[in-house]
Amino acid sequence: MSNPLLTYERRRYGMDHDRYDWSMLQDRPPVHWPGDKPLALWINVSVQHFPLSGPKPNVAPPGALTMPYPDLRHYTLRDYGNRVGIYRVLAALEHVDAVFSLAVSGQLAQRYPALMERLAGVGGEWLGHGWNMNAMHAGDVPEDQERQWIEQTLAALAKASPQPISGWFSPGRLQTPRTPELLAELGLGYHCDWVNDELPYAFSTAHGSLTCLPSCLELDDVFVLTQNLHSEDSYCQQVIDAADLLIEEATRLQSGRLLSLNLHPWLLGQPHRVRTLRELLDALLVRRGDAIWNAQPSDIITAARAA
C-alpha cells in the first residue's frame, strides 16, 4: 500500500509547478546587451508609504513599524524618506546620469502631490508598488481585496506617471497564489517579485504570460543594512564585488548578465549614507561604465527576449 505522504502528483524533473519552464542559466541561449556590454544594470528606487495606523497585515513588510501605536519613531523615519531622503537619492542618481525606475506606493499619489510632480520629471519608468506597505499580498487576503489594491494603485499612479505602467513590484516581494493572475488580468506585463534567477524569464498565468524580472534580494539595501546589519562600506563593496564577478563571468561565457539594485530613500537618503550611494554609483557608472549597460526594466526585458 502506497504512503499518501510520499505521493505527489507534480513530482517530476524540473519544477513542481507550471509558472515557468525549468532551465539552468548556463544552458540558455546567450544574451547580448546593446553595445555588447557584458552587464546590464537595473537600478530601482522604492518610494513607499508606511501607514501609522490601521489594520496590521498578517506578514510584516521589510521596514515595518514595530513599536506599539503610535509608532512615531519608525513612521516619521519612513516619512523622512519621502520628505527629505528622496531628493538626495535623486540628486546622486542624476549627477552621474543614471537610468533608474521608480516603484511607487499608490497611496503616495494622494498624500504627496509635490513629490509626484518631482518624480514625473525624472523620466524613469514607474512600477506599481502596492497601495501601501500594509497592503501585503500574502496569506489569506481575499481576492476582492487584492484586486482592489492593485486597481487602486494603478489608477492613482496613472494620474501622475509620465508613461503607462506595465510593471509591478509587490511590497516585500510577496504574492498570494492569485497575484500573477490578477496582474496579467489587469494588463501588466511584468513583475519583479521572484528572486530565483539573474535574467528575465517567461512567467505563466491563467490570463496569459508575464515576464519575471528578478530583483536581487541579497543586495537590497534594507536587507544588507537593517537585516544583516552590515556597514555601509560593506554594502558598497558587496555590490562592487557582484558587478565585477558578473562582468568577468559574462565576458568569459559570452553571455550577458544582470545586476539589480533596489534603493530606499528613507535608508540611503540619510546624510551619513549619501556618500556611500555616490561612491557606489561612481564605481558602477563611471569607473565601470564601459562594461555596464544601465537601462530601464522594460528595455532589459526586450533585449533579453531577443536572445
C-alpha atoms as a PDB file:
ATOM      1  CA  MET A   1       0.000   0.000   0.000  1.00  0.00           C
ATOM      2  CA  SER A   2       1.457   3.344  -1.035  1.00  0.00           C
ATOM      3  CA  ASN A   3       2.044   6.039   1.527  1.00  0.00           C
ATOM      4  CA  PRO A   4      -0.028   9.126   0.568  1.00  0.00           C
ATOM      5  CA  LEU A   5       2.576  11.345   2.251  1.00  0.00           C
ATOM      6  CA  LEU A   6       5.084  10.186  -0.355  1.00  0.00           C
ATOM      7  CA  THR A   7       2.778  10.630  -3.339  1.00  0.00           C
ATOM      8  CA  TYR A   8       2.860  13.990  -5.079  1.00  0.00           C
ATOM      9  CA  GLU A   9       1.195  14.415  -8.462  1.00  0.00           C
ATOM     10  CA  ARG A  10       3.606  17.171  -9.546  1.00  0.00           C
ATOM     11  CA  ARG A  11       6.784  15.234  -8.785  1.00  0.00           C
ATOM     12  CA  ARG A  12       8.811  15.353 -11.983  1.00  0.00           C
ATOM     13  CA  TYR A  13      12.071  16.510 -13.495  1.00  0.00           C
ATOM     14  CA  GLY A  14      12.439  20.266 -13.138  1.00  0.00           C
ATOM     15  CA  MET A  15       9.893  22.324 -11.228  1.00  0.00           C
ATOM     16  CA  ASP A  16       6.783  21.201  -9.372  1.00  0.00           C
ATOM     17  CA  HIS A  17       4.645  23.966 -10.858  1.00  0.00           C
ATOM     18  CA  ASP A  18       3.715  25.419 -14.242  1.00  0.00           C
ATOM     19  CA  ARG A  19       4.700  29.040 -13.648  1.00  0.00           C
ATOM     20  CA  TYR A  20       7.771  28.795 -15.872  1.00  0.00           C
ATOM     21  CA  ASP A  21       9.791  26.264 -17.833  1.00  0.00           C
ATOM     22  CA  TRP A  22      12.714  24.852 -15.902  1.00  0.00           C
ATOM     23  CA  SER A  23      16.194  25.538 -17.248  1.00  0.00           C
ATOM     24  CA  MET A  24      19.716  26.069 -15.997  1.00  0.00           C
ATOM     25  CA  LEU A  25      21.173  29.506 -16.604  1.00  0.00           C
ATOM     26  CA  GLN A  26      24.281  28.149 -18.327  1.00  0.00           C
ATOM     27  CA  ASP A  27      22.172  26.105 -20.768  1.00  0.00           C
ATOM     28  CA  ARG A  28      20.182  29.022 -22.189  1.00  0.00           C
ATOM     29  CA  PRO A  29      20.948  30.833 -25.446  1.00  0.00           C
ATOM     30  CA  PRO A  30      23.471  33.657 -24.973  1.00  0.00           C
ATOM     31  CA  VAL A  31      22.065  37.086 -24.137  1.00  0.00           C
ATOM     32  CA  HIS A  32      23.673  40.096 -25.805  1.00  0.00           C
ATOM     33  CA  TRP A  33      23.046  43.555 -24.370  1.00  0.00           C
ATOM     34  CA  PRO A  34      23.240  46.695 -26.553  1.00  0.00           C
ATOM     35  CA  GLY A  35      26.778  47.710 -27.342  1.00  0.00           C
ATOM     36  CA  ASP A  36      27.932  44.190 -26.494  1.00  0.00           C
ATOM     37  CA  LYS A  37      28.316  45.261 -22.877  1.00  0.00           C
ATOM     38  CA  PRO A  38      28.589  42.243 -20.578  1.00  0.00           C
ATOM     39  CA  LEU A  39      26.468  43.536 -17.696  1.00  0.00           C
ATOM     40  CA  ALA A  40      23.013  45.118 -17.612  1.00  0.00           C
ATOM     41  CA  LEU A  41      22.326  47.266 -14.551  1.00  0.00           C
ATOM     42  CA  TRP A  42      18.779  47.872 -13.344  1.00  0.00           C
ATOM     43  CA  ILE A  43      18.510  50.489 -10.601  1.00  0.00           C
ATOM     44  CA  ASN A  44      15.154  50.835  -8.869  1.00  0.00           C
ATOM     45  CA  VAL A  45      14.130  53.368  -6.239  1.00  0.00           C
ATOM     46  CA  SER A  46      11.310  52.170  -3.970  1.00  0.00           C
ATOM     47  CA  VAL A  47       9.192  55.104  -2.845  1.00  0.00           C
ATOM     48  CA  GLN A  48       6.955  53.752  -0.093  1.00  0.00           C
ATOM     49  CA  HIS A  49       4.185  54.756   2.286  1.00  0.00           C
ATOM     50  CA  PHE A  50       4.033  53.082   5.706  1.00  0.00           C
ATOM     51  CA  PRO A  51       0.676  53.900   7.391  1.00  0.00           C
ATOM     52  CA  LEU A  52       0.858  54.961  11.016  1.00  0.00           C
ATOM     53  CA  SER A  53      -2.453  53.306  11.901  1.00  0.00           C
ATOM     54  CA  GLY A  54      -4.951  50.836  10.530  1.00  0.00           C
ATOM     55  CA  PRO A  55      -5.124  47.039  10.414  1.00  0.00           C
ATOM     56  CA  LYS A  56      -1.779  45.306  10.605  1.00  0.00           C
ATOM     57  CA  PRO A  57      -1.002  42.771   7.857  1.00  0.00           C
ATOM     58  CA  ASN A  58      -0.524  39.103   8.674  1.00  0.00           C
ATOM     59  CA  VAL A  59       3.004  39.372   7.277  1.00  0.00           C
ATOM     60  CA  ALA A  60       5.112  42.382   8.214  1.00  0.00           C
ATOM     61  CA  PRO A  61       6.861  44.143   5.305  1.00  0.00           C
ATOM     62  CA  PRO A  62      10.590  44.897   5.365  1.00  0.00           C
ATOM     63  CA  GLY A  63      10.979  48.097   7.348  1.00  0.00           C
ATOM     64  CA  ALA A  64       7.619  47.634   9.080  1.00  0.00           C
ATOM     65  CA  LEU A  65       6.593  49.741  12.054  1.00  0.00           C
ATOM     66  CA  THR A  66       7.332  47.591  15.079  1.00  0.00           C
ATOM     67  CA  MET A  67       6.581  49.605  18.225  1.00  0.00           C
ATOM     68  CA  PRO A  68       3.172  49.975  19.959  1.00  0.00           C
ATOM     69  CA  TYR A  69       0.811  52.526  18.428  1.00  0.00           C
ATOM     70  CA  PRO A  70       1.542  55.314  17.742  1.00  0.00           C
ATOM     71  CA  ASP A  71       4.954  54.222  16.474  1.00  0.00           C
ATOM     72  CA  LEU A  72       6.070  57.749  15.675  1.00  0.00           C
ATOM     73  CA  ARG A  73       9.756  56.857  15.741  1.00  0.00           C
ATOM     74  CA  HIS A  74       9.564  54.489  12.801  1.00  0.00           C
ATOM     75  CA  TYR A  75       6.694  56.205  10.980  1.00  0.00           C
ATOM     76  CA  THR A  76       8.472  59.550  10.868  1.00  0.00           C
ATOM     77  CA  LEU A  77      11.698  57.875   9.730  1.00  0.00           C
ATOM     78  CA  ARG A  78       9.873  56.322   6.768  1.00  0.00           C
ATOM     79  CA  ASP A  79       8.132  59.644   6.129  1.00  0.00           C
ATOM     80  CA  TYR A  80      11.550  61.310   6.175  1.00  0.00           C
ATOM     81  CA  GLY A  81      12.427  59.311   3.093  1.00  0.00           C
ATOM     82  CA  ASN A  82       9.595  60.945   1.123  1.00  0.00           C
ATOM     83  CA  ARG A  83      10.181  64.459   2.515  1.00  0.00           C
ATOM     84  CA  VAL A  84      13.992  64.653   2.565  1.00  0.00           C
ATOM     85  CA  GLY A  85      15.862  61.473   1.610  1.00  0.00           C
ATOM     86  CA  ILE A  86      14.310  61.015  -1.837  1.00  0.00           C
ATOM     87  CA  TYR A  87      15.701  64.330  -3.055  1.00  0.00           C
ATOM     88  CA  ARG A  88      19.245  63.364  -2.041  1.00  0.00           C
ATOM     89  CA  VAL A  89      18.901  59.990  -3.754  1.00  0.00           C
ATOM     90  CA  LEU A  90      17.584  61.601  -6.938  1.00  0.00           C
ATOM     91  CA  ALA A  91      20.422  64.153  -6.906  1.00  0.00           C
ATOM     92  CA  ALA A  92      23.027  61.391  -6.568  1.00  0.00           C
ATOM     93  CA  LEU A  93      21.491  59.415  -9.443  1.00  0.00           C
ATOM     94  CA  GLU A  94      21.109  62.428 -11.684  1.00  0.00           C
ATOM     95  CA  HIS A  95      24.689  63.565 -11.005  1.00  0.00           C
ATOM     96  CA  VAL A  96      26.003  60.511 -12.888  1.00  0.00           C
ATOM     97  CA  ASP A  97      23.162  60.455 -15.436  1.00  0.00           C
ATOM     98  CA  ALA A  98      21.906  57.150 -14.055  1.00  0.00           C
ATOM     99  CA  VAL A  99      18.942  55.421 -15.639  1.00  0.00           C
ATOM    100  CA  PHE A 100      16.534  54.173 -12.988  1.00  0.00           C
ATOM    101  CA  SER A 101      12.954  53.106 -12.389  1.00  0.00           C
ATOM    102  CA  LEU A 102      10.584  54.060  -9.580  1.00  0.00           C
ATOM    103  CA  ALA A 103       8.430  51.595  -7.642  1.00  0.00           C
ATOM    104  CA  VAL A 104       5.778  53.769  -6.009  1.00  0.00           C
ATOM    105  CA  SER A 105       3.081  53.063  -3.406  1.00  0.00           C
ATOM    106  CA  GLY A 106      -0.289  54.041  -4.830  1.00  0.00           C
ATOM    107  CA  GLN A 107      -1.371  55.951  -1.737  1.00  0.00           C
ATOM    108  CA  LEU A 108       1.581  58.319  -2.134  1.00  0.00           C
ATOM    109  CA  ALA A 109      -0.111  59.828  -5.172  1.00  0.00           C
ATOM    110  CA  GLN A 110      -2.836  61.097  -2.834  1.00  0.00           C
ATOM    111  CA  ARG A 111      -0.579  62.187   0.022  1.00  0.00           C
ATOM    112  CA  TYR A 112       2.449  63.741  -1.713  1.00  0.00           C
ATOM    113  CA  PRO A 113       1.365  65.623  -4.875  1.00  0.00           C
ATOM    114  CA  ALA A 114       4.552  67.748  -4.925  1.00  0.00           C
ATOM    115  CA  LEU A 115       6.698  64.613  -4.748  1.00  0.00           C
ATOM    116  CA  MET A 116       4.708  63.075  -7.605  1.00  0.00           C
ATOM    117  CA  GLU A 117       5.472  66.127  -9.747  1.00  0.00           C
ATOM    118  CA  ARG A 118       9.182  65.782  -8.981  1.00  0.00           C
ATOM    119  CA  LEU A 119       9.176  62.064  -9.773  1.00  0.00           C
ATOM    120  CA  ALA A 120       7.313  62.641 -13.019  1.00  0.00           C
ATOM    121  CA  GLY A 121      10.177  64.857 -14.120  1.00  0.00           C
ATOM    122  CA  VAL A 122      12.958  62.287 -13.787  1.00  0.00           C
ATOM    123  CA  GLY A 123      11.923  60.370 -16.903  1.00  0.00           C
ATOM    124  CA  GLY A 124      12.123  56.901 -15.360  1.00  0.00           C
ATOM    125  CA  GLU A 125       9.750  54.001 -15.772  1.00  0.00           C
ATOM    126  CA  TRP A 126       7.231  53.584 -12.919  1.00  0.00           C
ATOM    127  CA  LEU A 127       6.202  50.284 -11.330  1.00  0.00           C
ATOM    128  CA  GLY A 128       3.175  49.655  -9.159  1.00  0.00           C
ATOM    129  CA  HIS A 129       4.397  49.019  -5.611  1.00  0.00           C
ATOM    130  CA  GLY A 130       1.139  48.149  -3.884  1.00  0.00           C
ATOM    131  CA  TRP A 131      -1.337  50.504  -2.253  1.00  0.00           C
ATOM    132  CA  ASN A 132       0.845  50.960   0.821  1.00  0.00           C
ATOM    133  CA  MET A 133       3.283  48.923   2.886  1.00  0.00           C
ATOM    134  CA  ASN A 134       0.477  47.441   4.985  1.00  0.00           C
ATOM    135  CA  ALA A 135      -1.307  46.096   1.892  1.00  0.00           C
ATOM    136  CA  MET A 136       0.686  42.885   1.777  1.00  0.00           C
ATOM    137  CA  HIS A 137      -0.156  40.388  -0.969  1.00  0.00           C
ATOM    138  CA  ALA A 138       0.278  37.350   1.223  1.00  0.00           C
ATOM    139  CA  GLY A 139      -1.597  34.762   3.256  1.00  0.00           C
ATOM    140  CA  ASP A 140      -5.370  34.656   3.193  1.00  0.00           C
ATOM    141  CA  VAL A 141      -6.032  38.088   1.674  1.00  0.00           C
ATOM    142  CA  PRO A 142      -9.442  37.856  -0.071  1.00  0.00           C
ATOM    143  CA  GLU A 143      -9.278  38.026  -3.850  1.00  0.00           C
ATOM    144  CA  ASP A 144     -11.576  41.059  -3.983  1.00  0.00           C
ATOM    145  CA  GLN A 145      -9.327  42.921  -1.555  1.00  0.00           C
ATOM    146  CA  GLU A 146      -6.184  42.101  -3.514  1.00  0.00           C
ATOM    147  CA  ARG A 147      -7.801  43.112  -6.793  1.00  0.00           C
ATOM    148  CA  GLN A 148      -8.891  46.407  -5.227  1.00  0.00           C
ATOM    149  CA  TRP A 149      -5.348  47.141  -4.017  1.00  0.00           C
ATOM    150  CA  ILE A 150      -3.911  46.610  -7.485  1.00  0.00           C
ATOM    151  CA  GLU A 151      -6.664  48.560  -9.251  1.00  0.00           C
ATOM    152  CA  GLN A 152      -6.410  51.457  -6.779  1.00  0.00           C
ATOM    153  CA  THR A 153      -2.658  51.570  -7.140  1.00  0.00           C
ATOM    154  CA  LEU A 154      -2.661  51.588 -10.928  1.00  0.00           C
ATOM    155  CA  ALA A 155      -5.436  54.201 -11.078  1.00  0.00           C
ATOM    156  CA  ALA A 156      -3.704  56.523  -8.620  1.00  0.00           C
ATOM    157  CA  LEU A 157      -0.282  56.245 -10.251  1.00  0.00           C
ATOM    158  CA  ALA A 158      -1.686  56.643 -13.773  1.00  0.00           C
ATOM    159  CA  LYS A 159      -2.629  60.211 -12.855  1.00  0.00           C
ATOM    160  CA  ALA A 160       0.992  61.063 -12.010  1.00  0.00           C
ATOM    161  CA  SER A 161       3.185  58.740 -14.095  1.00  0.00           C
ATOM    162  CA  PRO A 162       4.629  60.196 -17.309  1.00  0.00           C
ATOM    163  CA  GLN A 163       4.001  56.898 -19.138  1.00  0.00           C
ATOM    164  CA  PRO A 164       1.708  53.866 -18.864  1.00  0.00           C
ATOM    165  CA  ILE A 165       2.611  51.467 -16.068  1.00  0.00           C
ATOM    166  CA  SER A 166       3.473  47.957 -17.201  1.00  0.00           C
ATOM    167  CA  GLY A 167       5.433  46.582 -14.229  1.00  0.00           C
ATOM    168  CA  TRP A 168       4.684  45.519 -10.660  1.00  0.00           C
ATOM    169  CA  PHE A 169       6.898  45.176  -7.591  1.00  0.00           C
ATOM    170  CA  SER A 170       4.884  43.829  -4.646  1.00  0.00           C
ATOM    171  CA  PRO A 171       5.548  45.194  -1.139  1.00  0.00           C
ATOM    172  CA  GLY A 172       8.088  42.870   0.424  1.00  0.00           C
ATOM    173  CA  ARG A 173       8.241  40.893  -2.851  1.00  0.00           C
ATOM    174  CA  LEU A 174       5.272  38.881  -1.545  1.00  0.00           C
ATOM    175  CA  GLN A 175       2.483  37.284  -3.556  1.00  0.00           C
ATOM    176  CA  THR A 176      -0.614  35.248  -2.941  1.00  0.00           C
ATOM    177  CA  PRO A 177      -1.240  32.302  -5.304  1.00  0.00           C
ATOM    178  CA  ARG A 178      -3.574  34.661  -7.228  1.00  0.00           C
ATOM    179  CA  THR A 179      -1.299  37.685  -7.585  1.00  0.00           C
ATOM    180  CA  PRO A 180       0.191  36.769 -11.006  1.00  0.00           C
ATOM    181  CA  GLU A 181      -3.275  36.106 -12.428  1.00  0.00           C
ATOM    182  CA  LEU A 182      -4.555  39.452 -11.187  1.00  0.00           C
ATOM    183  CA  LEU A 183      -1.537  41.314 -12.569  1.00  0.00           C
ATOM    184  CA  ALA A 184      -1.968  39.752 -16.002  1.00  0.00           C
ATOM    185  CA  GLU A 185      -5.741  40.236 -15.966  1.00  0.00           C
ATOM    186  CA  LEU A 186      -5.317  43.937 -15.152  1.00  0.00           C
ATOM    187  CA  GLY A 187      -2.963  44.489 -18.071  1.00  0.00           C
ATOM    188  CA  LEU A 188       0.503  44.429 -16.526  1.00  0.00           C
ATOM    189  CA  GLY A 189       3.384  42.892 -18.459  1.00  0.00           C
ATOM    190  CA  TYR A 190       5.996  42.007 -15.850  1.00  0.00           C
ATOM    191  CA  HIS A 191       6.586  41.602 -12.131  1.00  0.00           C
ATOM    192  CA  CYS A 192       9.771  41.678 -10.040  1.00  0.00           C
ATOM    193  CA  ASP A 193       8.836  39.586  -7.004  1.00  0.00           C
ATOM    194  CA  TRP A 194      10.671  36.304  -7.578  1.00  0.00           C
ATOM    195  CA  VAL A 195      14.404  36.308  -6.854  1.00  0.00           C
ATOM    196  CA  ASN A 196      15.297  32.886  -8.225  1.00  0.00           C
ATOM    197  CA  ASP A 197      17.249  33.928 -11.314  1.00  0.00           C
ATOM    198  CA  GLU A 198      19.617  36.508 -12.795  1.00  0.00           C
ATOM    199  CA  LEU A 199      17.879  37.070 -16.127  1.00  0.00           C
ATOM    200  CA  PRO A 200      14.279  37.822 -17.124  1.00  0.00           C
ATOM    201  CA  TYR A 201      12.152  34.778 -17.895  1.00  0.00           C
ATOM    202  CA  ALA A 202       8.638  33.978 -19.137  1.00  0.00           C
ATOM    203  CA  PHE A 203       6.100  33.508 -16.344  1.00  0.00           C
ATOM    204  CA  SER A 204       2.762  31.782 -16.987  1.00  0.00           C
ATOM    205  CA  THR A 205      -0.649  32.735 -15.610  1.00  0.00           C
ATOM    206  CA  ALA A 206      -4.218  31.715 -16.350  1.00  0.00           C
ATOM    207  CA  HIS A 207      -4.671  35.075 -18.110  1.00  0.00           C
ATOM    208  CA  GLY A 208      -1.608  34.946 -20.326  1.00  0.00           C
ATOM    209  CA  SER A 209       2.119  35.296 -19.977  1.00  0.00           C
ATOM    210  CA  LEU A 210       4.002  37.746 -17.783  1.00  0.00           C
ATOM    211  CA  THR A 211       7.742  38.291 -17.577  1.00  0.00           C
ATOM    212  CA  CYS A 212       9.530  37.933 -14.282  1.00  0.00           C
ATOM    213  CA  LEU A 213      12.376  40.429 -13.949  1.00  0.00           C
ATOM    214  CA  PRO A 214      14.224  39.133 -10.876  1.00  0.00           C
ATOM    215  CA  SER A 215      15.187  41.727  -8.281  1.00  0.00           C
ATOM    216  CA  CYS A 216      18.240  40.836  -6.217  1.00  0.00           C
ATOM    217  CA  LEU A 217      17.251  40.444  -2.554  1.00  0.00           C
ATOM    218  CA  GLU A 218      20.811  39.792  -1.356  1.00  0.00           C
ATOM    219  CA  LEU A 219      21.930  43.288  -2.437  1.00  0.00           C
ATOM    220  CA  ASP A 220      18.778  45.150  -1.407  1.00  0.00           C
ATOM    221  CA  ASP A 221      19.902  47.980   0.892  1.00  0.00           C
ATOM    222  CA  VAL A 222      17.245  47.169   3.515  1.00  0.00           C
ATOM    223  CA  PHE A 223      18.308  43.519   3.554  1.00  0.00           C
ATOM    224  CA  VAL A 224      22.026  44.292   3.844  1.00  0.00           C
ATOM    225  CA  LEU A 225      21.930  47.258   6.220  1.00  0.00           C
ATOM    226  CA  THR A 226      18.966  46.595   8.517  1.00  0.00           C
ATOM    227  CA  GLN A 227      18.570  42.816   8.452  1.00  0.00           C
ATOM    228  CA  ASN A 228      22.141  41.592   8.007  1.00  0.00           C
ATOM    229  CA  LEU A 229      23.403  44.629   9.951  1.00  0.00           C
ATOM    230  CA  HIS A 230      26.379  45.167   7.662  1.00  0.00           C
ATOM    231  CA  SER A 231      28.127  48.520   7.453  1.00  0.00           C
ATOM    232  CA  GLU A 232      27.598  50.998   4.633  1.00  0.00           C
ATOM    233  CA  ASP A 233      31.129  50.366   3.332  1.00  0.00           C
ATOM    234  CA  SER A 234      30.461  46.621   3.346  1.00  0.00           C
ATOM    235  CA  TYR A 235      27.231  47.145   1.396  1.00  0.00           C
ATOM    236  CA  CYS A 236      29.069  49.196  -1.206  1.00  0.00           C
ATOM    237  CA  GLN A 237      31.838  46.623  -1.554  1.00  0.00           C
ATOM    238  CA  GLN A 238      29.366  43.751  -1.877  1.00  0.00           C
ATOM    239  CA  VAL A 239      27.673  45.449  -4.828  1.00  0.00           C
ATOM    240  CA  ILE A 240      31.025  46.195  -6.474  1.00  0.00           C
ATOM    241  CA  ASP A 241      32.161  42.599  -5.930  1.00  0.00           C
ATOM    242  CA  ALA A 242      28.949  41.334  -7.540  1.00  0.00           C
ATOM    243  CA  ALA A 243      29.381  43.657 -10.533  1.00  0.00           C
ATOM    244  CA  ASP A 244      32.988  42.576 -11.064  1.00  0.00           C
ATOM    245  CA  LEU A 245      32.141  38.877 -10.866  1.00  0.00           C
ATOM    246  CA  LEU A 246      29.199  39.230 -13.254  1.00  0.00           C
ATOM    247  CA  ILE A 247      31.269  41.240 -15.744  1.00  0.00           C
ATOM    248  CA  GLU A 248      34.005  38.597 -15.659  1.00  0.00           C
ATOM    249  CA  GLU A 249      31.514  35.755 -15.979  1.00  0.00           C
ATOM    250  CA  ALA A 250      29.603  37.369 -18.824  1.00  0.00           C
ATOM    251  CA  THR A 251      32.819  38.163 -20.694  1.00  0.00           C
ATOM    252  CA  ARG A 252      34.182  34.650 -20.270  1.00  0.00           C
ATOM    253  CA  LEU A 253      30.920  32.932 -21.269  1.00  0.00           C
ATOM    254  CA  GLN A 254      29.993  35.468 -23.960  1.00  0.00           C
ATOM    255  CA  SER A 255      26.517  35.866 -22.490  1.00  0.00           C
ATOM    256  CA  GLY A 256      25.211  38.953 -20.712  1.00  0.00           C
ATOM    257  CA  ARG A 257      24.380  39.045 -17.028  1.00  0.00           C
ATOM    258  CA  LEU A 258      22.079  41.259 -14.955  1.00  0.00           C
ATOM    259  CA  LEU A 259      22.672  43.188 -11.733  1.00  0.00           C
ATOM    260  CA  SER A 260      19.673  44.751  -9.998  1.00  0.00           C
ATOM    261  CA  LEU A 261      19.827  47.300  -7.175  1.00  0.00           C
ATOM    262  CA  ASN A 262      16.827  48.315  -5.090  1.00  0.00           C
ATOM    263  CA  LEU A 263      17.294  51.583  -3.165  1.00  0.00           C
ATOM    264  CA  HIS A 264      15.174  53.056  -0.363  1.00  0.00           C
ATOM    265  CA  PRO A 265      15.254  56.829   0.250  1.00  0.00           C
ATOM    266  CA  TRP A 266      14.417  56.503   3.954  1.00  0.00           C
ATOM    267  CA  LEU A 267      17.630  54.500   4.302  1.00  0.00           C
ATOM    268  CA  LEU A 268      20.181  55.672   1.713  1.00  0.00           C
ATOM    269  CA  GLY A 269      18.857  59.229   1.764  1.00  0.00           C
ATOM    270  CA  GLN A 270      20.239  59.757   5.259  1.00  0.00           C
ATOM    271  CA  PRO A 271      23.101  62.297   5.333  1.00  0.00           C
ATOM    272  CA  HIS A 272      25.556  59.733   6.722  1.00  0.00           C
ATOM    273  CA  ARG A 273      24.793  57.290   3.881  1.00  0.00           C
ATOM    274  CA  VAL A 274      24.679  59.518   0.808  1.00  0.00           C
ATOM    275  CA  ARG A 275      28.468  59.290   0.475  1.00  0.00           C
ATOM    276  CA  THR A 276      28.104  55.521   0.153  1.00  0.00           C
ATOM    277  CA  LEU A 277      25.497  55.884  -2.585  1.00  0.00           C
ATOM    278  CA  ARG A 278      27.632  58.383  -4.502  1.00  0.00           C
ATOM    279  CA  GLU A 279      30.709  56.161  -4.286  1.00  0.00           C
ATOM    280  CA  LEU A 280      28.714  53.147  -5.422  1.00  0.00           C
ATOM    281  CA  LEU A 281      27.231  54.948  -8.421  1.00  0.00           C
ATOM    282  CA  ASP A 282      30.668  56.269  -9.378  1.00  0.00           C
ATOM    283  CA  ALA A 283      32.155  52.771  -9.164  1.00  0.00           C
ATOM    284  CA  LEU A 284      29.454  51.300 -11.412  1.00  0.00           C
ATOM    285  CA  LEU A 285      28.584  54.014 -13.908  1.00  0.00           C
ATOM    286  CA  VAL A 286      31.848  55.918 -14.207  1.00  0.00           C
ATOM    287  CA  ARG A 287      34.739  53.570 -13.479  1.00  0.00           C
ATOM    288  CA  ARG A 288      32.991  50.511 -14.975  1.00  0.00           C
ATOM    289  CA  GLY A 289      30.805  52.341 -17.461  1.00  0.00           C
ATOM    290  CA  ASP A 290      32.446  50.722 -20.486  1.00  0.00           C
ATOM    291  CA  ALA A 291      31.222  47.312 -19.308  1.00  0.00           C
ATOM    292  CA  ILE A 292      27.771  48.226 -17.955  1.00  0.00           C
ATOM    293  CA  TRP A 293      24.543  48.911 -19.813  1.00  0.00           C
ATOM    294  CA  ASN A 294      22.330  50.879 -17.403  1.00  0.00           C
ATOM    295  CA  ALA A 295      18.750  50.588 -18.603  1.00  0.00           C
ATOM    296  CA  GLN A 296      15.056  50.696 -17.769  1.00  0.00           C
ATOM    297  CA  PRO A 297      13.414  47.380 -16.829  1.00  0.00           C
ATOM    298  CA  SER A 298      11.287  47.159 -19.991  1.00  0.00           C
ATOM    299  CA  ASP A 299      14.371  47.688 -22.165  1.00  0.00           C
ATOM    300  CA  ILE A 300      16.216  44.930 -20.322  1.00  0.00           C
ATOM    301  CA  ILE A 301      13.287  42.560 -20.836  1.00  0.00           C
ATOM    302  CA  THR A 302      13.082  43.401 -24.544  1.00  0.00           C
ATOM    303  CA  ALA A 303      16.809  42.815 -25.035  1.00  0.00           C
ATOM    304  CA  ALA A 304      16.695  39.501 -23.148  1.00  0.00           C
ATOM    305  CA  ARG A 305      13.789  38.276 -25.262  1.00  0.00           C
ATOM    306  CA  ALA A 306      15.838  38.855 -28.403  1.00  0.00           C
ATOM    307  CA  ALA A 307      18.294  36.120 -27.339  1.00  0.00           C
END
